[in-house]
Amino acid sequence: MKDFVAIDFETANGEASSVCSVGLVMVRGGRIVDSFYSLIHPEPDYYSWFCQRVHGLGPCDTDEAPVFPVVWTQALERIREVYADGLLPFCEPELVPFVAHNARFDEGCLRAVHRVYGMEWPGYRFRDTLQASRRHFGHQLPNHQLQTVAAACGYDLTRHHHALADAEACAVIALQLL
């Protein structure tokens, strides 16, 4: 895969719809060409202790942040700008393949937040670097967590659980394994 969008969400609590940040990394022709990051006012609007401990975000970071539909509109505009030159078979964002590490989580978040806000699901397609890592590395790695796989692919993930840093690590892994 040479053309895709790597995506990562962080959530405020155990609800899949509680996205509080998103990172997108756009890849064209096998190169990272653009990125997008935003904080998001979560729904439901509360933070669990565990999630705050994982990513360091809390109400003071997102109380004034835009809600998901506003952020997603901005993200789709950015994706359109990157891919809409007609040279690729997908110029509409719903046709651009998304890549995530543990895609079930990120796709689940995206589906849940679409549902919560009554947004139509356009059928985004997801590929999973976690599954690709398991196929490629097998038992060579102690685990297949994002930071472990990123290191095996030569990427130093220093800001793990920051949505943009995780999306960039995912992009690097996808370029090597997908």
N, C-alpha and C. Protein backbone atom coordinates (compact mmCIF):
# COMPACT_ATOMS: atom_id res chain seq x y z
N MET A 1 0.84 -1.18 0.00
CA MET A 1 0.00 0.00 0.00
C MET A 1 0.87 1.24 0.00
N LYS A 2 0.59 2.12 -0.93
CA LYS A 2 1.37 3.35 -1.04
C LYS A 2 0.52 4.59 -0.81
N ASP A 3 -0.81 4.44 -0.81
CA ASP A 3 -1.72 5.57 -0.66
C ASP A 3 -2.79 5.22 0.36
N PHE A 4 -2.77 5.91 1.51
CA PHE A 4 -3.72 5.62 2.58
C PHE A 4 -3.66 6.73 3.61
N VAL A 5 -4.57 6.65 4.58
CA VAL A 5 -4.58 7.56 5.73
C VAL A 5 -4.44 6.73 6.99
N ALA A 6 -3.36 6.94 7.73
CA ALA A 6 -3.21 6.29 9.03
C ALA A 6 -4.00 7.12 10.04
N ILE A 7 -4.73 6.44 10.92
CA ILE A 7 -5.62 7.12 11.86
C ILE A 7 -5.45 6.55 13.26
N ASP A 8 -5.57 7.43 14.25
CA ASP A 8 -5.55 6.98 15.63
C ASP A 8 -6.45 7.88 16.46
N PHE A 9 -7.25 7.26 17.32
CA PHE A 9 -8.11 7.98 18.27
C PHE A 9 -7.63 7.71 19.69
N GLU A 10 -7.82 8.69 20.54
CA GLU A 10 -7.74 8.50 21.99
C GLU A 10 -9.13 8.75 22.53
N THR A 11 -9.51 8.02 23.57
CA THR A 11 -10.85 8.16 24.14
C THR A 11 -10.78 8.66 25.58
N ALA A 12 -11.85 9.33 26.00
CA ALA A 12 -11.92 9.91 27.33
C ALA A 12 -12.32 8.89 28.39
N ASN A 13 -13.03 7.86 27.97
CA ASN A 13 -13.53 6.86 28.92
C ASN A 13 -13.73 5.55 28.17
N GLY A 14 -14.43 4.62 28.76
CA GLY A 14 -14.62 3.31 28.15
C GLY A 14 -15.61 3.26 27.01
N GLU A 15 -16.30 4.34 26.73
CA GLU A 15 -17.25 4.39 25.63
C GLU A 15 -16.51 4.66 24.32
N ALA A 16 -16.77 3.86 23.31
CA ALA A 16 -16.10 4.03 22.02
C ALA A 16 -16.36 5.41 21.41
N SER A 17 -17.50 5.99 21.72
CA SER A 17 -17.84 7.30 21.14
C SER A 17 -17.14 8.47 21.83
N SER A 18 -16.41 8.21 22.91
CA SER A 18 -15.83 9.29 23.69
C SER A 18 -14.48 9.77 23.15
N VAL A 19 -14.34 9.83 21.83
CA VAL A 19 -13.07 10.27 21.25
C VAL A 19 -12.75 11.68 21.74
N CYS A 20 -11.50 11.85 22.20
CA CYS A 20 -11.08 13.15 22.70
C CYS A 20 -9.92 13.72 21.91
N SER A 21 -9.34 12.92 21.03
CA SER A 21 -8.34 13.43 20.08
C SER A 21 -8.24 12.47 18.90
N VAL A 22 -7.82 13.03 17.78
CA VAL A 22 -7.64 12.23 16.56
C VAL A 22 -6.35 12.69 15.88
N GLY A 23 -5.63 11.72 15.34
CA GLY A 23 -4.46 11.99 14.52
C GLY A 23 -4.61 11.29 13.19
N LEU A 24 -4.33 12.01 12.12
CA LEU A 24 -4.38 11.45 10.76
C LEU A 24 -3.05 11.74 10.07
N VAL A 25 -2.52 10.75 9.38
CA VAL A 25 -1.30 10.93 8.59
C VAL A 25 -1.61 10.45 7.18
N MET A 26 -1.50 11.38 6.22
CA MET A 26 -1.80 11.06 4.83
C MET A 26 -0.53 10.61 4.10
N VAL A 27 -0.65 9.48 3.42
CA VAL A 27 0.47 8.89 2.68
C VAL A 27 0.09 8.81 1.22
N ARG A 28 0.97 9.35 0.37
CA ARG A 28 0.79 9.28 -1.09
C ARG A 28 2.08 8.80 -1.71
N GLY A 29 1.96 7.86 -2.61
CA GLY A 29 3.15 7.37 -3.30
C GLY A 29 4.22 6.84 -2.36
N GLY A 30 3.79 6.31 -1.21
CA GLY A 30 4.74 5.75 -0.26
C GLY A 30 5.45 6.78 0.61
N ARG A 31 4.96 8.03 0.60
CA ARG A 31 5.57 9.09 1.40
C ARG A 31 4.52 9.78 2.26
N ILE A 32 4.89 10.12 3.47
CA ILE A 32 4.02 10.93 4.32
C ILE A 32 4.01 12.34 3.75
N VAL A 33 2.82 12.83 3.40
CA VAL A 33 2.72 14.14 2.75
C VAL A 33 1.94 15.18 3.57
N ASP A 34 1.17 14.74 4.55
CA ASP A 34 0.40 15.70 5.33
C ASP A 34 -0.08 15.01 6.60
N SER A 35 -0.49 15.83 7.56
CA SER A 35 -1.04 15.28 8.80
C SER A 35 -2.09 16.23 9.35
N PHE A 36 -2.90 15.69 10.25
CA PHE A 36 -3.97 16.46 10.88
C PHE A 36 -4.13 15.96 12.31
N TYR A 37 -4.25 16.91 13.24
CA TYR A 37 -4.46 16.56 14.64
C TYR A 37 -5.48 17.52 15.23
N SER A 38 -6.35 16.98 16.08
CA SER A 38 -7.27 17.85 16.78
C SER A 38 -7.71 17.21 18.09
N LEU A 39 -7.89 18.06 19.07
CA LEU A 39 -8.59 17.65 20.28
C LEU A 39 -10.07 17.66 19.96
N ILE A 40 -10.86 16.89 20.69
CA ILE A 40 -12.30 16.75 20.44
C ILE A 40 -13.01 16.79 21.79
N HIS A 41 -14.09 17.52 21.86
CA HIS A 41 -14.93 17.50 23.07
C HIS A 41 -15.64 16.14 23.08
N PRO A 42 -15.37 15.29 24.08
CA PRO A 42 -15.88 13.91 24.03
C PRO A 42 -17.37 13.81 24.33
N GLU A 43 -17.96 12.72 23.84
CA GLU A 43 -19.36 12.39 24.12
C GLU A 43 -19.44 10.89 24.39
N PRO A 44 -19.75 10.45 25.61
CA PRO A 44 -20.14 11.25 26.75
C PRO A 44 -18.96 12.04 27.32
N ASP A 45 -19.30 13.14 27.95
CA ASP A 45 -18.33 14.14 28.38
C ASP A 45 -17.85 13.90 29.81
N TYR A 46 -17.06 12.85 29.98
CA TYR A 46 -16.37 12.63 31.26
C TYR A 46 -15.12 11.82 30.97
N TYR A 47 -14.16 11.91 31.87
CA TYR A 47 -12.89 11.21 31.72
C TYR A 47 -12.74 10.16 32.81
N SER A 48 -12.34 8.97 32.42
CA SER A 48 -12.01 7.95 33.41
C SER A 48 -10.56 8.18 33.84
N TRP A 49 -10.29 7.79 35.07
CA TRP A 49 -8.93 7.91 35.60
C TRP A 49 -7.95 7.15 34.71
N PHE A 50 -8.34 5.95 34.30
CA PHE A 50 -7.44 5.11 33.50
C PHE A 50 -7.07 5.79 32.18
N CYS A 51 -8.06 6.29 31.46
CA CYS A 51 -7.79 6.92 30.16
C CYS A 51 -6.91 8.16 30.33
N GLN A 52 -7.19 8.96 31.36
CA GLN A 52 -6.37 10.14 31.60
C GLN A 52 -4.92 9.74 31.86
N ARG A 53 -4.75 8.66 32.58
CA ARG A 53 -3.40 8.19 32.89
C ARG A 53 -2.68 7.72 31.62
N VAL A 54 -3.41 7.11 30.72
CA VAL A 54 -2.80 6.59 29.49
C VAL A 54 -2.33 7.72 28.58
N HIS A 55 -3.21 8.68 28.27
CA HIS A 55 -2.84 9.69 27.27
C HIS A 55 -2.61 11.09 27.83
N GLY A 56 -2.92 11.30 29.09
CA GLY A 56 -2.63 12.59 29.71
C GLY A 56 -3.61 13.70 29.40
N LEU A 57 -4.68 13.40 28.70
CA LEU A 57 -5.68 14.42 28.38
C LEU A 57 -6.78 14.41 29.44
N GLY A 58 -7.38 15.57 29.64
CA GLY A 58 -8.47 15.68 30.59
C GLY A 58 -9.41 16.80 30.20
N PRO A 59 -10.40 17.07 31.03
CA PRO A 59 -11.39 18.10 30.71
C PRO A 59 -10.78 19.46 30.39
N CYS A 60 -9.71 19.83 31.10
CA CYS A 60 -9.10 21.14 30.84
C CYS A 60 -8.55 21.23 29.41
N ASP A 61 -8.26 20.08 28.79
CA ASP A 61 -7.75 20.07 27.41
C ASP A 61 -8.87 20.14 26.39
N THR A 62 -10.04 19.59 26.71
CA THR A 62 -11.08 19.43 25.68
C THR A 62 -12.38 20.18 25.96
N ASP A 63 -12.50 20.83 27.12
CA ASP A 63 -13.75 21.56 27.41
C ASP A 63 -14.10 22.57 26.32
N GLU A 64 -13.10 23.21 25.75
CA GLU A 64 -13.33 24.23 24.71
C GLU A 64 -13.09 23.68 23.30
N ALA A 65 -12.80 22.40 23.18
CA ALA A 65 -12.52 21.79 21.87
C ALA A 65 -13.82 21.61 21.09
N PRO A 66 -13.74 21.58 19.77
CA PRO A 66 -14.94 21.34 18.97
C PRO A 66 -15.46 19.91 19.13
N VAL A 67 -16.74 19.72 18.86
CA VAL A 67 -17.33 18.38 18.89
C VAL A 67 -16.92 17.62 17.63
N PHE A 68 -17.12 16.32 17.67
CA PHE A 68 -16.65 15.45 16.59
C PHE A 68 -17.11 15.87 15.19
N PRO A 69 -18.39 16.17 14.95
CA PRO A 69 -18.78 16.51 13.58
C PRO A 69 -18.00 17.68 12.99
N VAL A 70 -17.66 18.65 13.81
CA VAL A 70 -16.86 19.80 13.34
C VAL A 70 -15.45 19.35 12.98
N VAL A 71 -14.85 18.57 13.88
CA VAL A 71 -13.49 18.07 13.64
C VAL A 71 -13.45 17.17 12.42
N TRP A 72 -14.43 16.28 12.29
CA TRP A 72 -14.42 15.33 11.18
C TRP A 72 -14.61 16.05 9.84
N THR A 73 -15.41 17.09 9.82
CA THR A 73 -15.57 17.89 8.59
C THR A 73 -14.22 18.50 8.20
N GLN A 74 -13.48 19.02 9.16
CA GLN A 74 -12.15 19.58 8.89
C GLN A 74 -11.20 18.50 8.39
N ALA A 75 -11.24 17.35 9.03
CA ALA A 75 -10.36 16.25 8.63
C ALA A 75 -10.65 15.78 7.20
N LEU A 76 -11.93 15.64 6.88
CA LEU A 76 -12.30 15.20 5.52
C LEU A 76 -11.91 16.23 4.48
N GLU A 77 -12.01 17.51 4.81
CA GLU A 77 -11.55 18.55 3.87
C GLU A 77 -10.06 18.41 3.61
N ARG A 78 -9.29 18.14 4.66
CA ARG A 78 -7.85 17.97 4.52
C ARG A 78 -7.54 16.74 3.66
N ILE A 79 -8.25 15.64 3.90
CA ILE A 79 -8.05 14.43 3.11
C ILE A 79 -8.38 14.71 1.64
N ARG A 80 -9.49 15.39 1.39
CA ARG A 80 -9.88 15.74 0.03
C ARG A 80 -8.77 16.54 -0.67
N GLU A 81 -8.19 17.51 0.03
CA GLU A 81 -7.12 18.33 -0.55
C GLU A 81 -5.93 17.47 -0.96
N VAL A 82 -5.59 16.49 -0.14
CA VAL A 82 -4.41 15.66 -0.41
C VAL A 82 -4.65 14.69 -1.57
N TYR A 83 -5.86 14.14 -1.69
CA TYR A 83 -6.11 13.07 -2.65
C TYR A 83 -6.98 13.47 -3.85
N ALA A 84 -7.43 14.69 -3.93
CA ALA A 84 -8.44 15.05 -4.92
C ALA A 84 -7.88 15.58 -6.23
N ASP A 85 -6.69 15.19 -6.62
CA ASP A 85 -6.15 15.68 -7.88
C ASP A 85 -6.54 14.80 -9.07
N GLY A 86 -7.29 13.75 -8.82
CA GLY A 86 -7.75 12.90 -9.90
C GLY A 86 -6.75 11.86 -10.35
N LEU A 87 -5.55 11.87 -9.77
CA LEU A 87 -4.53 10.90 -10.17
C LEU A 87 -4.70 9.55 -9.49
N LEU A 88 -5.47 9.53 -8.42
CA LEU A 88 -5.70 8.29 -7.69
C LEU A 88 -7.15 7.87 -7.89
N PRO A 89 -7.43 6.58 -7.73
CA PRO A 89 -8.81 6.11 -7.92
C PRO A 89 -9.75 6.57 -6.82
N PHE A 90 -9.23 7.19 -5.77
CA PHE A 90 -10.10 7.65 -4.70
C PHE A 90 -9.85 9.12 -4.43
N CYS A 91 -10.79 9.94 -4.78
CA CYS A 91 -10.66 11.36 -4.45
C CYS A 91 -11.70 11.75 -3.42
N GLU A 92 -12.62 10.88 -3.12
CA GLU A 92 -13.57 11.13 -2.05
C GLU A 92 -13.04 10.46 -0.78
N PRO A 93 -13.11 11.14 0.36
CA PRO A 93 -12.53 10.59 1.59
C PRO A 93 -13.04 9.20 1.96
N GLU A 94 -14.30 8.91 1.66
CA GLU A 94 -14.79 7.59 2.04
C GLU A 94 -14.16 6.46 1.21
N LEU A 95 -13.47 6.81 0.16
CA LEU A 95 -12.82 5.80 -0.67
C LEU A 95 -11.35 5.61 -0.32
N VAL A 96 -10.77 6.54 0.42
CA VAL A 96 -9.37 6.43 0.82
C VAL A 96 -9.27 5.37 1.91
N PRO A 97 -8.39 4.39 1.75
CA PRO A 97 -8.26 3.37 2.78
C PRO A 97 -7.67 3.97 4.07
N PHE A 98 -8.26 3.61 5.20
CA PHE A 98 -7.71 3.97 6.50
C PHE A 98 -6.89 2.80 7.01
N VAL A 99 -5.81 3.12 7.72
CA VAL A 99 -4.95 2.12 8.32
C VAL A 99 -4.83 2.47 9.80
N ALA A 100 -4.97 1.47 10.65
CA ALA A 100 -4.84 1.68 12.10
C ALA A 100 -4.17 0.47 12.72
N HIS A 101 -3.52 0.69 13.85
CA HIS A 101 -2.96 -0.41 14.61
C HIS A 101 -4.03 -0.85 15.60
N ASN A 102 -4.53 -2.05 15.43
CA ASN A 102 -5.73 -2.56 16.09
C ASN A 102 -6.93 -1.81 15.52
N ALA A 103 -7.15 -1.99 14.25
CA ALA A 103 -8.20 -1.27 13.51
C ALA A 103 -9.59 -1.48 14.10
N ARG A 104 -9.81 -2.59 14.76
CA ARG A 104 -11.13 -2.81 15.38
C ARG A 104 -11.45 -1.69 16.36
N PHE A 105 -10.46 -1.24 17.11
CA PHE A 105 -10.67 -0.16 18.07
C PHE A 105 -11.00 1.15 17.35
N ASP A 106 -10.14 1.57 16.42
CA ASP A 106 -10.32 2.86 15.77
C ASP A 106 -11.55 2.88 14.87
N GLU A 107 -11.79 1.80 14.14
CA GLU A 107 -13.02 1.74 13.34
C GLU A 107 -14.24 1.74 14.26
N GLY A 108 -14.16 1.03 15.38
CA GLY A 108 -15.26 1.02 16.33
C GLY A 108 -15.54 2.40 16.89
N CYS A 109 -14.49 3.15 17.19
CA CYS A 109 -14.67 4.54 17.66
C CYS A 109 -15.34 5.38 16.58
N LEU A 110 -14.86 5.27 15.36
CA LEU A 110 -15.41 6.07 14.27
C LEU A 110 -16.87 5.72 14.01
N ARG A 111 -17.20 4.46 14.04
CA ARG A 111 -18.60 4.05 13.87
C ARG A 111 -19.47 4.56 15.02
N ALA A 112 -18.98 4.43 16.24
CA ALA A 112 -19.74 4.84 17.41
C ALA A 112 -20.01 6.33 17.42
N VAL A 113 -19.02 7.11 17.10
CA VAL A 113 -19.21 8.55 17.14
C VAL A 113 -20.10 9.02 15.97
N HIS A 114 -20.04 8.33 14.85
CA HIS A 114 -20.99 8.62 13.76
C HIS A 114 -22.42 8.35 14.23
N ARG A 115 -22.59 7.23 14.93
CA ARG A 115 -23.92 6.86 15.43
C ARG A 115 -24.44 7.89 16.45
N VAL A 116 -23.59 8.27 17.40
CA VAL A 116 -23.98 9.21 18.46
C VAL A 116 -24.46 10.53 17.87
N TYR A 117 -23.79 10.99 16.82
CA TYR A 117 -24.14 12.29 16.24
C TYR A 117 -25.09 12.17 15.05
N GLY A 118 -25.60 10.97 14.78
CA GLY A 118 -26.55 10.80 13.70
C GLY A 118 -25.95 11.05 12.32
N MET A 119 -24.67 10.77 12.19
CA MET A 119 -23.97 10.97 10.92
C MET A 119 -24.04 9.69 10.09
N GLU A 120 -24.23 9.84 8.79
CA GLU A 120 -24.28 8.68 7.90
C GLU A 120 -22.91 8.02 7.82
N TRP A 121 -22.89 6.69 7.89
CA TRP A 121 -21.64 5.92 7.75
C TRP A 121 -21.42 5.64 6.28
N PRO A 122 -20.35 6.22 5.69
CA PRO A 122 -20.15 6.06 4.25
C PRO A 122 -19.39 4.80 3.84
N GLY A 123 -19.10 3.92 4.75
CA GLY A 123 -18.44 2.67 4.39
C GLY A 123 -16.93 2.78 4.31
N TYR A 124 -16.32 3.52 5.22
CA TYR A 124 -14.86 3.61 5.23
C TYR A 124 -14.25 2.22 5.30
N ARG A 125 -13.14 2.03 4.61
CA ARG A 125 -12.43 0.75 4.61
C ARG A 125 -11.20 0.85 5.51
N PHE A 126 -10.97 -0.17 6.31
CA PHE A 126 -9.84 -0.19 7.25
C PHE A 126 -8.92 -1.36 6.97
N ARG A 127 -7.62 -1.11 7.11
CA ARG A 127 -6.60 -2.15 7.12
C ARG A 127 -5.92 -2.10 8.49
N ASP A 128 -5.39 -3.22 8.94
CA ASP A 128 -4.90 -3.33 10.30
C ASP A 128 -3.41 -3.68 10.34
N THR A 129 -2.59 -2.79 10.91
CA THR A 129 -1.17 -3.08 11.03
C THR A 129 -0.89 -4.07 12.17
N LEU A 130 -1.79 -4.21 13.12
CA LEU A 130 -1.62 -5.22 14.17
C LEU A 130 -1.68 -6.61 13.55
N GLN A 131 -2.68 -6.86 12.74
CA GLN A 131 -2.77 -8.16 12.05
C GLN A 131 -1.58 -8.37 11.12
N ALA A 132 -1.19 -7.31 10.42
CA ALA A 132 -0.03 -7.42 9.53
C ALA A 132 1.23 -7.76 10.31
N SER A 133 1.38 -7.17 11.49
CA SER A 133 2.54 -7.46 12.33
C SER A 133 2.55 -8.92 12.77
N ARG A 134 1.40 -9.41 13.17
CA ARG A 134 1.32 -10.82 13.60
C ARG A 134 1.68 -11.76 12.46
N ARG A 135 1.22 -11.43 11.26
CA ARG A 135 1.57 -12.27 10.09
C ARG A 135 3.06 -12.16 9.77
N HIS A 136 3.58 -10.94 9.77
CA HIS A 136 4.95 -10.71 9.33
C HIS A 136 5.99 -11.16 10.37
N PHE A 137 5.79 -10.76 11.63
CA PHE A 137 6.79 -11.03 12.66
C PHE A 137 6.53 -12.31 13.44
N GLY A 138 5.29 -12.76 13.48
CA GLY A 138 4.98 -13.98 14.23
C GLY A 138 5.47 -13.88 15.67
N HIS A 139 6.27 -14.86 16.08
CA HIS A 139 6.77 -14.92 17.46
C HIS A 139 8.14 -14.26 17.61
N GLN A 140 8.59 -13.53 16.60
CA GLN A 140 9.90 -12.87 16.68
C GLN A 140 9.87 -11.70 17.66
N LEU A 141 8.70 -11.14 17.92
CA LEU A 141 8.58 -10.00 18.83
C LEU A 141 7.99 -10.46 20.16
N PRO A 142 8.31 -9.77 21.26
CA PRO A 142 7.73 -10.14 22.55
C PRO A 142 6.23 -9.86 22.61
N ASN A 143 5.77 -8.90 21.84
CA ASN A 143 4.35 -8.58 21.72
C ASN A 143 4.16 -7.79 20.43
N HIS A 144 2.96 -7.46 20.12
CA HIS A 144 2.68 -6.72 18.88
C HIS A 144 2.04 -5.36 19.18
N GLN A 145 2.39 -4.80 20.33
CA GLN A 145 1.93 -3.46 20.67
C GLN A 145 2.56 -2.45 19.71
N LEU A 146 1.90 -1.32 19.56
CA LEU A 146 2.33 -0.33 18.59
C LEU A 146 3.79 0.06 18.77
N GLN A 147 4.22 0.37 19.98
CA GLN A 147 5.59 0.82 20.18
C GLN A 147 6.60 -0.29 19.88
N THR A 148 6.24 -1.53 20.13
CA THR A 148 7.13 -2.66 19.84
C THR A 148 7.28 -2.86 18.35
N VAL A 149 6.16 -2.84 17.63
CA VAL A 149 6.19 -3.03 16.18
C VAL A 149 6.87 -1.85 15.50
N ALA A 150 6.59 -0.64 15.99
CA ALA A 150 7.24 0.55 15.43
C ALA A 150 8.76 0.43 15.55
N ALA A 151 9.24 0.01 16.73
CA ALA A 151 10.69 -0.16 16.92
C ALA A 151 11.24 -1.20 15.97
N ALA A 152 10.51 -2.30 15.78
CA ALA A 152 10.96 -3.35 14.86
C ALA A 152 11.03 -2.85 13.43
N CYS A 153 10.24 -1.82 13.13
CA CYS A 153 10.24 -1.22 11.79
C CYS A 153 11.16 0.00 11.71
N GLY A 154 11.94 0.24 12.76
CA GLY A 154 12.91 1.32 12.74
C GLY A 154 12.38 2.69 13.12
N TYR A 155 11.21 2.74 13.77
CA TYR A 155 10.62 4.03 14.16
C TYR A 155 10.63 4.15 15.68
N ASP A 156 11.13 5.26 16.17
CA ASP A 156 11.20 5.51 17.61
C ASP A 156 9.95 6.28 18.04
N LEU A 157 9.01 5.57 18.63
CA LEU A 157 7.75 6.17 19.07
C LEU A 157 7.94 6.76 20.46
N THR A 158 8.31 8.03 20.52
CA THR A 158 8.62 8.65 21.81
C THR A 158 7.39 9.25 22.49
N ARG A 159 6.31 9.51 21.75
CA ARG A 159 5.12 10.13 22.34
C ARG A 159 3.92 9.18 22.23
N HIS A 160 4.12 7.94 22.64
CA HIS A 160 3.06 6.94 22.55
C HIS A 160 1.80 7.42 23.27
N HIS A 161 0.66 7.19 22.67
CA HIS A 161 -0.67 7.61 23.13
C HIS A 161 -0.95 9.09 22.88
N HIS A 162 -0.15 9.71 22.04
CA HIS A 162 -0.54 10.99 21.44
C HIS A 162 -1.06 10.58 20.07
N ALA A 163 -2.29 10.95 19.74
CA ALA A 163 -2.95 10.42 18.54
C ALA A 163 -2.14 10.65 17.27
N LEU A 164 -1.51 11.81 17.12
CA LEU A 164 -0.75 12.06 15.90
C LEU A 164 0.53 11.23 15.86
N ALA A 165 1.22 11.11 16.98
CA ALA A 165 2.44 10.30 17.02
C ALA A 165 2.11 8.83 16.73
N ASP A 166 1.01 8.34 17.30
CA ASP A 166 0.62 6.96 17.05
C ASP A 166 0.22 6.74 15.58
N ALA A 167 -0.46 7.72 14.99
CA ALA A 167 -0.84 7.61 13.57
C ALA A 167 0.41 7.60 12.69
N GLU A 168 1.39 8.41 13.04
CA GLU A 168 2.64 8.43 12.25
C GLU A 168 3.36 7.09 12.36
N ALA A 169 3.43 6.54 13.57
CA ALA A 169 4.06 5.22 13.75
C ALA A 169 3.30 4.18 12.92
N CYS A 170 2.00 4.24 12.94
CA CYS A 170 1.18 3.31 12.15
C CYS A 170 1.47 3.45 10.65
N ALA A 171 1.63 4.67 10.19
CA ALA A 171 1.94 4.91 8.78
C ALA A 171 3.27 4.26 8.40
N VAL A 172 4.28 4.42 9.25
CA VAL A 172 5.60 3.83 9.00
C VAL A 172 5.51 2.30 8.96
N ILE A 173 4.76 1.74 9.90
CA ILE A 173 4.57 0.28 9.93
C ILE A 173 3.84 -0.18 8.66
N ALA A 174 2.79 0.52 8.29
CA ALA A 174 2.00 0.13 7.11
C ALA A 174 2.87 0.18 5.85
N LEU A 175 3.71 1.16 5.73
CA LEU A 175 4.56 1.27 4.54
C LEU A 175 5.50 0.08 4.43
N GLN A 176 5.87 -0.49 5.55
CA GLN A 176 6.76 -1.66 5.52
C GLN A 176 6.03 -2.99 5.43
N LEU A 177 4.84 -3.08 6.05
CA LEU A 177 4.20 -4.39 6.18
C LEU A 177 2.98 -4.62 5.29
N LEU A 178 2.35 -3.55 4.79
CA LEU A 178 1.14 -3.75 3.99
C LEU A 178 1.44 -3.63 2.51
